[in-house]
Protein backbone atom coordinates (compact mmCIF):
# COMPACT_ATOMS: atom_id res chain seq x y z
CA GLU A 1 4.05 195.69 70.90
CA ASN A 2 1.03 194.87 68.62
CA GLN A 3 0.05 198.46 68.39
CA LEU A 4 3.65 199.47 67.71
CA LYS A 5 3.68 197.24 65.15
CA ALA A 6 0.46 198.64 63.42
CA THR A 7 1.77 202.01 63.48
CA LEU A 8 5.28 201.78 62.24
CA MET A 9 6.06 201.13 58.36
CA PRO A 10 7.36 197.23 58.41
CA ASP A 11 11.44 198.52 57.94
CA VAL A 12 11.24 200.60 60.78
CA TYR A 13 9.69 198.32 63.01
CA LYS A 14 12.42 195.65 61.89
CA HIS A 15 15.07 198.30 62.34
CA TYR A 16 13.63 199.12 66.03
CA ILE A 17 13.61 195.30 66.95
CA ASP A 18 17.12 194.84 65.80
CA SER A 19 18.18 197.99 67.57
CA LEU A 20 16.86 196.48 70.82
CA ILE A 21 18.11 193.00 70.23
CA GLU A 22 21.70 194.75 69.69
CA HIS A 23 21.55 196.84 72.87
CA SER A 24 20.53 193.60 74.73
CA LEU A 25 23.23 191.51 73.64
CA LYS A 26 25.60 193.89 74.49
CA GLN A 27 24.40 194.39 78.20
CA ALA A 28 24.60 190.81 78.37
CA ASN A 29 28.43 191.40 77.24
CA LEU A 30 28.55 187.93 75.12
CA SER A 31 31.25 187.09 72.54
CA LEU A 32 29.60 187.47 69.37
CA VAL A 33 30.22 186.35 65.87
CA GLN A 34 28.00 188.71 63.93
CA CYS A 35 26.92 188.39 60.46
CA PRO A 36 28.74 191.65 58.47
CA PHE A 37 25.72 191.80 56.11
CA CYS A 38 22.93 192.08 58.67
CA SER A 39 22.13 192.19 62.61
CA TYR A 40 22.15 188.03 62.91
CA CYS A 41 24.92 187.01 65.35
CA GLU A 42 25.63 183.87 67.33
CA VAL A 43 27.30 183.32 70.75
CA ASP A 44 30.89 182.40 70.30
CA ASP A 45 31.45 180.11 73.49
CA ASP A 46 35.17 179.76 74.53
CA SER A 47 33.89 177.91 77.78
CA PRO A 48 34.48 174.29 77.29
CA PHE A 49 38.20 174.52 77.72
CA TYR A 50 37.93 176.64 81.29
CA GLN A 51 35.12 174.35 82.39
CA LEU A 52 37.95 172.00 82.75
CA LYS A 53 39.45 174.09 85.23
CA ILE A 54 43.28 173.10 84.27
CA PRO A 55 45.63 176.21 85.14
CA LYS A 56 46.97 177.78 81.99
CA SER A 57 50.18 178.18 83.83
CA ALA A 58 50.34 174.24 83.89
CA VAL A 59 49.87 174.16 80.07
CA ILE A 60 52.45 176.64 79.35
CA VAL A 61 54.95 174.65 81.34
CA VAL A 62 54.38 171.32 79.82
CA SER A 63 54.24 172.53 76.50
CA ILE A 64 57.91 173.96 76.19
CA PRO A 65 59.68 170.69 76.45
CA LEU A 66 57.43 169.01 74.45
CA ALA A 67 58.18 172.17 71.69
CA ILE A 68 62.00 171.32 71.73
CA LEU A 69 61.47 167.53 71.72
CA PRO A 70 61.36 167.21 67.84
CA PHE A 71 65.00 169.27 67.85
CA PHE A 72 66.84 166.24 69.33
CA SER A 73 67.76 164.57 66.48
CA SER A 74 71.51 165.12 66.57
CA PHE A 75 74.09 166.30 68.96
CA GLU A 76 74.65 169.69 67.15
CA ASN A 77 70.38 170.27 67.54
CA ILE A 78 70.62 169.22 70.74
CA ILE A 79 73.47 171.93 71.53
CA SER A 80 71.72 174.65 69.27
CA THR A 81 68.13 174.15 71.12
CA LEU A 82 69.69 173.91 74.43
CA LYS A 83 71.27 177.39 73.63
CA VAL A 84 67.92 178.96 72.67
CA ALA A 85 66.21 177.40 75.13
CA ALA A 86 68.50 179.07 77.69
CA ILE A 87 68.48 182.36 76.27
CA PHE A 88 64.61 182.38 76.34
CA VAL A 89 63.66 180.83 79.53
CA LEU A 90 66.68 182.01 81.94
CA PRO A 91 65.41 185.60 81.87
CA GLN A 92 61.97 184.24 82.75
CA ILE A 93 63.27 182.36 85.63
CA ALA A 94 64.89 185.53 86.83
CA LEU A 95 61.51 186.93 86.57
CA TRP A 96 59.96 184.36 88.67
CA ILE A 97 62.58 184.89 91.28
CA LEU A 98 61.79 188.33 91.75
CA GLY A 99 58.36 187.55 91.78
CA VAL A 100 56.92 187.79 88.66
CA PHE A 101 54.98 185.01 86.72
CA PRO A 102 57.34 183.55 84.23
CA LEU A 103 56.49 183.31 80.27
CA ARG A 104 54.07 185.98 81.25
CA THR A 105 53.77 186.89 77.21
CA PHE A 106 52.38 183.19 76.62
CA LEU A 107 49.88 183.92 79.30
CA ASP A 108 48.65 187.09 77.95
CA ASP A 109 48.45 185.06 74.36
CA PHE A 110 46.37 182.20 75.84
CA GLU A 111 43.19 183.64 75.17
CA ASN A 112 43.88 184.20 71.91
CA ILE A 113 45.44 180.79 71.47
CA VAL A 114 41.99 179.19 72.46
CA LYS A 115 40.07 181.16 70.31
CA ARG A 116 41.95 179.95 67.52
CA VAL A 117 41.77 176.47 68.46
CA LYS A 118 37.74 176.55 68.17
CA ARG A 119 38.03 178.88 65.05
CA LYS A 120 40.02 175.94 62.99
CA ARG A 121 37.31 173.42 64.67
CA ARG A 122 34.46 175.44 63.27
CA GLY A 123 36.12 177.08 60.10
CA ASN A 124 36.28 180.59 58.89
CA VAL A 125 33.02 180.34 57.19
CA PHE A 126 29.94 181.77 58.73
CA LYS A 127 26.83 180.99 57.15
CA CYS A 128 24.04 183.42 58.15
CA GLN A 129 20.41 182.03 59.37
CA ASN A 130 18.65 185.29 58.76
CA PRO A 131 16.04 184.24 55.53
CA ASP A 132 16.66 187.54 54.24
CA CYS A 133 19.81 187.36 54.26
CA ALA A 134 21.29 184.13 53.91
CA LYS A 135 24.66 184.82 52.76
CA SER A 136 28.33 183.10 53.64
CA SER A 137 30.94 185.48 55.08
CA CYS A 138 34.57 185.06 55.87
CA MET A 139 35.31 185.17 59.79
CA LEU A 140 38.74 187.07 59.27
CA CYS A 141 37.92 189.51 56.68
CA ASN A 142 34.04 190.00 56.93
CA ARG A 143 33.76 189.66 53.22
CA GLU A 144 31.36 187.39 51.57
CA CYS A 145 32.90 183.62 50.64
CA ARG A 146 32.69 182.99 47.29
CA PRO A 147 34.44 180.25 45.14
CA PHE A 148 38.35 180.82 45.76
CA HIS A 149 38.14 182.92 48.29
CA LYS A 150 41.20 184.48 49.73
CA CYS A 151 41.15 187.22 52.46
CA TYR A 152 42.63 190.55 51.71
CA GLU A 153 43.61 189.43 48.33
CA GLN A 154 43.57 193.25 46.80
CA GLU A 155 45.15 195.00 49.92
CA GLN A 156 48.11 192.27 50.48
CA ASP A 157 49.02 193.05 46.27
CA SER A 158 48.82 196.61 47.15
CA LEU A 159 51.07 196.33 49.81
CA ARG A 160 53.32 194.02 48.35
CA LEU A 161 53.68 196.33 45.34
CA PHE A 162 54.02 199.41 47.30
CA VAL A 163 56.93 197.71 49.45
CA GLU A 164 58.69 196.29 46.42
CA ARG A 165 58.69 199.21 44.44
CA ALA A 166 60.32 200.90 47.90
CA MET A 167 62.98 198.30 47.86
CA ALA A 168 63.99 198.66 44.48
CA GLU A 169 64.16 202.40 44.67
CA ALA A 170 66.35 202.05 47.62
CA VAL A 171 69.27 200.38 45.66
CA LYS A 172 68.54 202.32 42.66
CA ARG A 173 70.93 205.11 42.60
CA THR A 174 70.52 208.54 41.08
CA CYS A 175 72.60 210.99 39.83
CA PRO A 176 71.68 214.80 41.71
CA LYS A 177 73.07 216.37 38.60
CA CYS A 178 72.18 214.77 35.69
CA HIS A 179 69.30 212.38 37.30
CA VAL A 180 70.54 209.21 35.47
CA SER A 181 69.46 206.39 37.48
CA PHE A 182 70.76 202.72 37.92
CA THR A 183 71.51 199.87 39.92
CA LYS A 184 74.96 200.01 41.22
CA ALA A 185 76.62 196.00 41.37
CA ASP A 186 79.47 194.77 43.14
CA GLY A 187 83.08 196.95 42.44
CA CYS A 188 83.14 199.28 39.31
CA ASN A 189 79.97 200.24 37.59
CA LYS A 190 79.52 199.76 33.54
CA MET A 191 77.03 202.27 33.92
CA THR A 192 77.78 205.85 34.70
CA CYS A 193 76.44 209.20 34.70
CA ARG A 194 78.16 212.37 33.16
CA CYS A 195 79.14 213.77 36.35
CA VAL A 196 80.87 210.51 37.38
CA CYS A 197 84.51 211.14 38.96
CA ASP A 198 86.86 209.37 36.88
CA HIS A 199 89.87 210.25 38.84
CA PHE A 200 92.16 207.07 39.63
CA ARG A 201 92.04 206.25 43.45
CA PRO A 202 94.52 203.59 44.55
CA ILE A 203 92.39 202.71 47.85
CA PRO A 204 88.58 201.88 46.20
CA GLY A 205 86.30 203.87 48.56
CA GLN A 206 88.35 206.80 49.33
CA LYS A 207 87.33 210.29 48.92
CA CYS A 208 88.51 211.82 45.76
CA LYS A 209 91.42 214.69 46.25
CA LYS A 210 91.07 216.44 43.19
CA CYS A 211 86.91 217.11 42.81
CA THR A 212 84.06 216.48 44.33
CA LYS A 213 82.01 214.61 41.48
CA CYS A 214 79.71 211.53 42.13
CA ASP A 215 81.63 208.99 43.66
CA LEU A 216 80.51 205.52 42.63
CA TYR A 217 82.69 203.36 44.41
CA LYS A 218 81.17 203.75 47.77
CA THR A 219 79.70 200.30 48.84
CA GLU A 220 76.68 200.50 50.99
CA ASP A 221 75.18 197.93 52.99
CA GLU A 222 72.35 197.06 50.58
CA GLU A 223 70.51 194.80 52.87
CA LYS A 224 70.24 197.33 55.78
CA VAL A 225 69.06 199.86 53.38
CA ILE A 226 66.69 197.70 52.02
CA LYS A 227 65.36 196.72 55.69
CA GLU A 228 64.98 200.04 56.12
CA ALA A 229 63.25 201.00 53.09
CA ALA A 230 60.73 198.41 53.23
CA ALA A 231 59.81 199.31 56.91
CA LYS A 232 58.91 202.78 56.01
CA ALA A 233 57.10 201.79 53.24
CA ARG A 234 54.96 199.56 55.18
CA ALA A 235 54.55 201.96 57.78
CA GLU A 236 53.53 204.47 55.00
CA PHE A 237 50.90 202.12 53.45
CA ILE A 238 49.48 201.52 56.84
CA LYS A 239 49.15 205.00 57.69
CA THR A 240 47.79 205.87 54.27
CA HIS A 241 45.40 202.58 54.57
CA PRO A 242 43.87 202.27 57.75
CA GLU A 243 41.72 199.01 56.84
CA ALA A 244 45.23 197.35 56.65
CA ARG A 245 45.86 197.60 60.14
CA GLU A 246 42.58 195.60 60.67
CA ALA A 247 43.63 192.79 58.00
CA ASN A 248 46.86 192.72 60.33
CA LEU A 249 48.89 192.42 56.84
CA LEU A 250 52.23 193.08 58.13
CA GLN A 251 51.96 189.83 60.02
CA ASN A 252 50.65 187.93 56.73
CA ALA A 253 52.81 189.28 54.02
CA ALA A 254 56.48 188.42 53.97
CA ILE A 255 58.11 190.91 51.85
CA GLY A 256 61.94 191.54 51.40
CA PRO A 257 64.89 189.77 53.08
CA VAL A 258 63.72 187.94 56.48
CA ALA A 259 66.63 187.66 58.88
CA GLY A 260 66.80 184.49 61.05
CA ASN A 261 65.43 184.85 64.49
CA GLU A 262 65.65 181.95 66.59
CA GLU A 263 64.05 183.07 69.54
CA LYS A 264 61.00 184.12 67.40
CA LEU A 265 61.02 180.47 65.98
CA PHE A 266 61.05 178.73 69.55
CA ARG A 267 58.21 181.08 70.31
CA GLU A 268 56.60 179.86 67.39
CA MET A 269 57.04 176.39 68.49
CA VAL A 270 55.95 176.72 72.03
CA GLU A 271 52.65 178.50 70.75
CA LYS A 272 52.06 175.81 68.19
CA THR A 273 52.44 172.83 70.97
CA ILE A 274 50.00 175.02 73.34
CA GLU A 275 47.58 174.84 70.52
CA LYS A 276 47.73 171.08 69.94
CA ILE A 277 47.38 170.36 73.90
CA VAL A 278 44.28 172.82 74.34
CA ASP A 279 42.54 171.39 70.99
CA TYR A 280 43.42 167.85 72.80
CA LEU A 281 41.69 168.90 76.19
CA ILE A 282 38.41 170.78 74.38
CA PRO A 283 35.75 168.25 74.12
CA ASP A 284 33.94 167.61 70.82
CA LYS A 285 30.36 169.28 70.44
């Protein structure tokens, strides 16, 4: 080793040692947290919870009644909560009768829940202990942490503007002949293009029998059109910006109309309850 160190250039020798360390860590198959600016890394140990030897299924089953308990404040809330719980749990019971473990989705996400709890305790800032680097980085976006740091701020702004532009274009009507653009309001429009059909129709929305000019009386389902435009814009943005897929911007950025999803809300409540139970069970270092 001393002969190799004397033969090679200092920077070449350093890269050689770093590559050996990196190869050894990969062979050890450990969960690591690495500095994005150098080769320094630390072991991300999730074993304290699993050393308790508590079945994951037991934690999930206990979490369900605790998750729905806050909703039992009035009779209406009790009925709606039981309805959502029945819609969600009954199919799981049917799967259990068929020999499939119920609540499989929570079991599959259990590893991620434990990691989220560990990360909340440790924080998202990783301080590199390499004296040549000594930088603080964000563990969510792998960028250098500076005052008022916000993860993926540029990507989120770009996605938001791209989707909002597509949503605005979706409700804007453009005449295919004179190319005049405007936003349609309910009923008759105050602004019309030169190619509009001005024939009287007793029933609004009925097709004109006298000409084939632009029909501005037709009312579309704007909420559906906006949702489709937003989904299409999101997919197009992710396709042209691969880095946004890693940023998981589709979940972090709430853009456009959001319909109420009771099953999704129930699932989120159960996951939060599981996090609290896991956080209580994991011992402090």
